Amino acid sequence: MKHTDYQDDDEDFISKSELKREAHRHQQLGKKLADLNPKKWRDLPISENLYNALVENNRLTQNEAKRRHLQFIGKIMRDEDVDAILGGLELLDPSSEAYGRRIKQQEMWRTRLVSDDSGLNAFIEEFPAVDRQQLRNLVRNAQKEMNSEPPKPGTNYKKLFQFIREQMEG
């Protein structure tokens, strides 16, 4: 065989060093997930297998056991959708651009609901599973706060924002 016979295989070739770098990136991402608040794990697109491994990691106390378990989590990460997990982490990070865009969108919905009568129907159309009665009450109470002199956003205005956030995330 000549050297030229292997040229077709070169496209699929991944060096051992690249495989190690990828394994290290998976371990780093696993460590980042393990360091998160466990309540936020359910907000991420992770498998049940990875979730259980993260729970087990929290139970471990010895450093060497934690290190080996993080390697195991890195191995599990091979079968995960890493891009989706990174996107989910970005939405949880207040310093990220994606987080800022989502907050801005939630604020725009709140402003539209309070100031525009057609906003209620648009929100219901966008999120059909919403509790319509609760939404109407929150909007009505927030409008009362904003129609006072001077307009003073208060508790109901904040409750409306929280309700919008829950609907958009849930």
C-alpha atoms as a PDB file:
ATOM      1  CA  MET A   1       0.000   0.000   0.000  1.00  0.00           C
ATOM      2  CA  LYS A   2       1.122   3.485  -0.751  1.00  0.00           C
ATOM      3  CA  HIS A   3       0.803   6.527   1.482  1.00  0.00           C
ATOM      4  CA  THR A   4      -1.840   7.959  -0.865  1.00  0.00           C
ATOM      5  CA  ASP A   5      -4.202   5.058  -0.096  1.00  0.00           C
ATOM      6  CA  TYR A   6      -4.933   6.558   3.346  1.00  0.00           C
ATOM      7  CA  GLN A   7      -5.910  10.047   2.227  1.00  0.00           C
ATOM      8  CA  ASP A   8      -9.649   9.298   2.366  1.00  0.00           C
ATOM      9  CA  ASP A   9      -9.336   8.260   6.021  1.00  0.00           C
ATOM     10  CA  ASP A  10      -7.608  11.523   7.002  1.00  0.00           C
ATOM     11  CA  GLU A  11     -10.914  13.415   7.031  1.00  0.00           C
ATOM     12  CA  ASP A  12     -12.267  11.263   9.876  1.00  0.00           C
ATOM     13  CA  PHE A  13      -8.994  11.086  11.807  1.00  0.00           C
ATOM     14  CA  ILE A  14      -8.981  12.660  15.262  1.00  0.00           C
ATOM     15  CA  SER A  15      -5.673  12.788  17.076  1.00  0.00           C
ATOM     16  CA  LYS A  16      -5.222  11.332  20.525  1.00  0.00           C
ATOM     17  CA  SER A  17      -4.368  14.813  21.807  1.00  0.00           C
ATOM     18  CA  GLU A  18      -7.644  16.201  20.470  1.00  0.00           C
ATOM     19  CA  LEU A  19      -9.560  13.371  22.149  1.00  0.00           C
ATOM     20  CA  LYS A  20      -7.839  14.208  25.442  1.00  0.00           C
ATOM     21  CA  ARG A  21      -8.653  17.917  25.068  1.00  0.00           C
ATOM     22  CA  GLU A  22     -12.281  17.058  24.398  1.00  0.00           C
ATOM     23  CA  ALA A  23     -12.398  14.758  27.443  1.00  0.00           C
ATOM     24  CA  HIS A  24     -10.904  17.569  29.531  1.00  0.00           C
ATOM     25  CA  ARG A  25     -13.550  20.026  28.238  1.00  0.00           C
ATOM     26  CA  HIS A  26     -16.271  17.525  29.178  1.00  0.00           C
ATOM     27  CA  GLN A  27     -14.805  17.201  32.670  1.00  0.00           C
ATOM     28  CA  GLN A  28     -14.644  20.993  33.047  1.00  0.00           C
ATOM     29  CA  LEU A  29     -18.270  21.305  31.979  1.00  0.00           C
ATOM     30  CA  GLY A  30     -19.196  18.517  34.396  1.00  0.00           C
ATOM     31  CA  LYS A  31     -17.416  20.393  37.203  1.00  0.00           C
ATOM     32  CA  LYS A  32     -19.271  23.564  36.277  1.00  0.00           C
ATOM     33  CA  LEU A  33     -22.566  21.652  36.455  1.00  0.00           C
ATOM     34  CA  ALA A  34     -21.589  20.062  39.779  1.00  0.00           C
ATOM     35  CA  ASP A  35     -20.814  23.496  41.225  1.00  0.00           C
ATOM     36  CA  LEU A  36     -24.271  24.805  40.300  1.00  0.00           C
ATOM     37  CA  ASN A  37     -27.135  24.929  42.749  1.00  0.00           C
ATOM     38  CA  PRO A  38     -28.822  21.490  42.449  1.00  0.00           C
ATOM     39  CA  LYS A  39     -32.225  23.154  41.906  1.00  0.00           C
ATOM     40  CA  LYS A  40     -30.965  24.571  38.596  1.00  0.00           C
ATOM     41  CA  TRP A  41     -30.029  21.157  37.191  1.00  0.00           C
ATOM     42  CA  ARG A  42     -33.667  20.487  36.282  1.00  0.00           C
ATOM     43  CA  ASP A  43     -33.692  23.668  34.176  1.00  0.00           C
ATOM     44  CA  LEU A  44     -30.929  22.277  31.981  1.00  0.00           C
ATOM     45  CA  PRO A  45     -31.299  19.811  29.099  1.00  0.00           C
ATOM     46  CA  ILE A  46     -29.459  16.945  30.795  1.00  0.00           C
ATOM     47  CA  SER A  47     -30.222  13.235  30.849  1.00  0.00           C
ATOM     48  CA  GLU A  48     -31.446  11.390  33.912  1.00  0.00           C
ATOM     49  CA  ASN A  49     -28.127   9.527  33.965  1.00  0.00           C
ATOM     50  CA  LEU A  50     -26.145  12.775  34.216  1.00  0.00           C
ATOM     51  CA  TYR A  51     -28.562  14.185  36.788  1.00  0.00           C
ATOM     52  CA  ASN A  52     -28.082  11.119  38.999  1.00  0.00           C
ATOM     53  CA  ALA A  53     -24.297  11.385  38.648  1.00  0.00           C
ATOM     54  CA  LEU A  54     -24.426  15.040  39.727  1.00  0.00           C
ATOM     55  CA  VAL A  55     -26.538  14.128  42.756  1.00  0.00           C
ATOM     56  CA  GLU A  56     -24.039  11.392  43.640  1.00  0.00           C
ATOM     57  CA  ASN A  57     -21.177  13.881  43.272  1.00  0.00           C
ATOM     58  CA  ASN A  58     -22.783  16.147  45.893  1.00  0.00           C
ATOM     59  CA  ARG A  59     -22.889  13.221  48.306  1.00  0.00           C
ATOM     60  CA  LEU A  60     -19.150  12.543  48.047  1.00  0.00           C
ATOM     61  CA  THR A  61     -16.832  14.205  50.567  1.00  0.00           C
ATOM     62  CA  GLN A  62     -13.315  12.899  49.891  1.00  0.00           C
ATOM     63  CA  ASN A  63     -11.280  14.827  47.348  1.00  0.00           C
ATOM     64  CA  GLU A  64      -9.958  11.775  45.508  1.00  0.00           C
ATOM     65  CA  ALA A  65     -13.444  10.270  45.254  1.00  0.00           C
ATOM     66  CA  LYS A  66     -14.784  13.588  43.924  1.00  0.00           C
ATOM     67  CA  ARG A  67     -11.965  13.782  41.370  1.00  0.00           C
ATOM     68  CA  ARG A  68     -12.653  10.268  40.078  1.00  0.00           C
ATOM     69  CA  HIS A  69     -16.381  10.919  40.018  1.00  0.00           C
ATOM     70  CA  LEU A  70     -15.840  14.103  37.978  1.00  0.00           C
ATOM     71  CA  GLN A  71     -13.947  11.953  35.473  1.00  0.00           C
ATOM     72  CA  PHE A  72     -16.980   9.672  35.372  1.00  0.00           C
ATOM     73  CA  ILE A  73     -19.245  12.691  34.813  1.00  0.00           C
ATOM     74  CA  GLY A  74     -16.923  13.717  31.968  1.00  0.00           C
ATOM     75  CA  LYS A  75     -17.413  10.271  30.456  1.00  0.00           C
ATOM     76  CA  ILE A  76     -21.208  10.629  30.713  1.00  0.00           C
ATOM     77  CA  MET A  77     -20.922  14.043  29.040  1.00  0.00           C
ATOM     78  CA  ARG A  78     -19.810  12.315  25.814  1.00  0.00           C
ATOM     79  CA  ASP A  79     -23.405  11.210  25.246  1.00  0.00           C
ATOM     80  CA  GLU A  80     -24.951  14.584  26.147  1.00  0.00           C
ATOM     81  CA  ASP A  81     -25.875  17.478  23.893  1.00  0.00           C
ATOM     82  CA  VAL A  82     -23.071  19.742  25.079  1.00  0.00           C
ATOM     83  CA  ASP A  83     -24.197  22.727  22.982  1.00  0.00           C
ATOM     84  CA  ALA A  84     -27.682  22.616  24.507  1.00  0.00           C
ATOM     85  CA  ILE A  85     -26.218  22.388  28.018  1.00  0.00           C
ATOM     86  CA  LEU A  86     -23.915  25.344  27.337  1.00  0.00           C
ATOM     87  CA  GLY A  87     -26.907  27.319  26.034  1.00  0.00           C
ATOM     88  CA  GLY A  88     -28.850  26.471  29.187  1.00  0.00           C
ATOM     89  CA  LEU A  89     -25.931  27.536  31.373  1.00  0.00           C
ATOM     90  CA  GLU A  90     -25.731  30.804  29.471  1.00  0.00           C
ATOM     91  CA  LEU A  91     -29.380  31.522  30.279  1.00  0.00           C
ATOM     92  CA  LEU A  92     -28.598  30.978  33.978  1.00  0.00           C
ATOM     93  CA  ASP A  93     -25.604  33.350  33.962  1.00  0.00           C
ATOM     94  CA  PRO A  94     -26.669  36.955  34.717  1.00  0.00           C
ATOM     95  CA  SER A  95     -23.563  38.306  32.979  1.00  0.00           C
ATOM     96  CA  SER A  96     -24.372  36.599  29.667  1.00  0.00           C
ATOM     97  CA  GLU A  97     -25.958  38.258  26.663  1.00  0.00           C
ATOM     98  CA  ALA A  98     -28.653  35.557  26.369  1.00  0.00           C
ATOM     99  CA  TYR A  99     -29.742  36.154  29.980  1.00  0.00           C
ATOM    100  CA  GLY A 100     -29.977  39.900  29.303  1.00  0.00           C
ATOM    101  CA  ARG A 101     -32.059  39.353  26.162  1.00  0.00           C
ATOM    102  CA  ARG A 102     -34.477  37.095  28.035  1.00  0.00           C
ATOM    103  CA  ILE A 103     -34.900  39.619  30.893  1.00  0.00           C
ATOM    104  CA  LYS A 104     -35.453  42.414  28.371  1.00  0.00           C
ATOM    105  CA  GLN A 105     -38.123  40.338  26.604  1.00  0.00           C
ATOM    106  CA  GLN A 106     -39.870  39.683  29.938  1.00  0.00           C
ATOM    107  CA  GLU A 107     -39.796  43.393  30.773  1.00  0.00           C
ATOM    108  CA  MET A 108     -41.253  44.223  27.360  1.00  0.00           C
ATOM    109  CA  TRP A 109     -44.125  41.788  27.962  1.00  0.00           C
ATOM    110  CA  ARG A 110     -44.805  43.384  31.355  1.00  0.00           C
ATOM    111  CA  THR A 111     -44.821  46.882  29.875  1.00  0.00           C
ATOM    112  CA  ARG A 112     -47.096  45.789  27.041  1.00  0.00           C
ATOM    113  CA  LEU A 113     -49.519  44.019  29.397  1.00  0.00           C
ATOM    114  CA  VAL A 114     -49.797  47.063  31.664  1.00  0.00           C
ATOM    115  CA  SER A 115     -50.022  49.734  28.961  1.00  0.00           C
ATOM    116  CA  ASP A 116     -51.707  48.006  26.008  1.00  0.00           C
ATOM    117  CA  ASP A 117     -55.119  46.307  26.210  1.00  0.00           C
ATOM    118  CA  SER A 118     -54.293  44.023  23.278  1.00  0.00           C
ATOM    119  CA  GLY A 119     -51.200  42.798  25.142  1.00  0.00           C
ATOM    120  CA  LEU A 120     -53.258  40.425  27.267  1.00  0.00           C
ATOM    121  CA  ASN A 121     -54.633  38.566  24.245  1.00  0.00           C
ATOM    122  CA  ALA A 122     -51.206  38.497  22.597  1.00  0.00           C
ATOM    123  CA  PHE A 123     -49.637  37.003  25.728  1.00  0.00           C
ATOM    124  CA  ILE A 124     -52.383  34.383  26.021  1.00  0.00           C
ATOM    125  CA  GLU A 125     -51.918  33.533  22.340  1.00  0.00           C
ATOM    126  CA  GLU A 126     -48.146  33.191  22.812  1.00  0.00           C
ATOM    127  CA  PHE A 127     -48.466  31.122  26.013  1.00  0.00           C
ATOM    128  CA  PRO A 128     -51.788  29.216  25.805  1.00  0.00           C
ATOM    129  CA  ALA A 129     -51.213  27.247  29.024  1.00  0.00           C
ATOM    130  CA  VAL A 130     -51.222  30.426  31.118  1.00  0.00           C
ATOM    131  CA  ASP A 131     -53.672  30.808  34.020  1.00  0.00           C
ATOM    132  CA  ARG A 132     -55.797  33.528  32.426  1.00  0.00           C
ATOM    133  CA  GLN A 133     -57.643  34.570  35.571  1.00  0.00           C
ATOM    134  CA  GLN A 134     -54.442  35.013  37.559  1.00  0.00           C
ATOM    135  CA  LEU A 135     -52.861  36.929  34.669  1.00  0.00           C
ATOM    136  CA  ARG A 136     -55.864  39.281  34.413  1.00  0.00           C
ATOM    137  CA  ASN A 137     -55.773  39.947  38.173  1.00  0.00           C
ATOM    138  CA  LEU A 138     -52.045  40.647  38.133  1.00  0.00           C
ATOM    139  CA  VAL A 139     -52.373  42.968  35.133  1.00  0.00           C
ATOM    140  CA  ARG A 140     -55.321  44.820  36.687  1.00  0.00           C
ATOM    141  CA  ASN A 141     -53.483  45.324  39.993  1.00  0.00           C
ATOM    142  CA  ALA A 142     -50.277  46.440  38.241  1.00  0.00           C
ATOM    143  CA  GLN A 143     -52.298  48.911  36.129  1.00  0.00           C
ATOM    144  CA  LYS A 144     -53.787  50.390  39.316  1.00  0.00           C
ATOM    145  CA  GLU A 145     -50.293  50.916  40.707  1.00  0.00           C
ATOM    146  CA  MET A 146     -49.042  52.524  37.503  1.00  0.00           C
ATOM    147  CA  ASN A 147     -52.119  54.757  37.083  1.00  0.00           C
ATOM    148  CA  SER A 148     -51.623  56.386  40.484  1.00  0.00           C
ATOM    149  CA  GLU A 149     -50.040  59.825  40.725  1.00  0.00           C
ATOM    150  CA  PRO A 150     -47.080  59.615  40.489  1.00  0.00           C
ATOM    151  CA  PRO A 151     -46.813  56.185  38.805  1.00  0.00           C
ATOM    152  CA  LYS A 152     -45.205  53.940  41.381  1.00  0.00           C
ATOM    153  CA  PRO A 153     -44.331  50.349  40.485  1.00  0.00           C
ATOM    154  CA  GLY A 154     -44.917  48.254  43.565  1.00  0.00           C
ATOM    155  CA  THR A 155     -45.514  44.717  44.685  1.00  0.00           C
ATOM    156  CA  ASN A 156     -48.086  43.853  42.024  1.00  0.00           C
ATOM    157  CA  TYR A 157     -45.811  45.144  39.264  1.00  0.00           C
ATOM    158  CA  LYS A 158     -43.065  42.832  40.556  1.00  0.00           C
ATOM    159  CA  LYS A 159     -45.495  39.923  40.932  1.00  0.00           C
ATOM    160  CA  LEU A 160     -46.561  40.363  37.306  1.00  0.00           C
ATOM    161  CA  PHE A 161     -42.917  40.229  36.208  1.00  0.00           C
ATOM    162  CA  GLN A 162     -42.359  37.053  38.249  1.00  0.00           C
ATOM    163  CA  PHE A 163     -45.480  35.480  36.727  1.00  0.00           C
ATOM    164  CA  ILE A 164     -44.277  36.346  33.189  1.00  0.00           C
ATOM    165  CA  ARG A 165     -40.849  34.880  33.996  1.00  0.00           C
ATOM    166  CA  GLU A 166     -42.426  31.615  35.208  1.00  0.00           C
ATOM    167  CA  GLN A 167     -44.555  31.340  32.072  1.00  0.00           C
ATOM    168  CA  MET A 168     -41.634  31.977  29.725  1.00  0.00           C
ATOM    169  CA  GLU A 169     -39.303  29.559  31.493  1.00  0.00           C
ATOM    170  CA  GLY A 170     -41.814  26.846  32.253  1.00  0.00           C
END
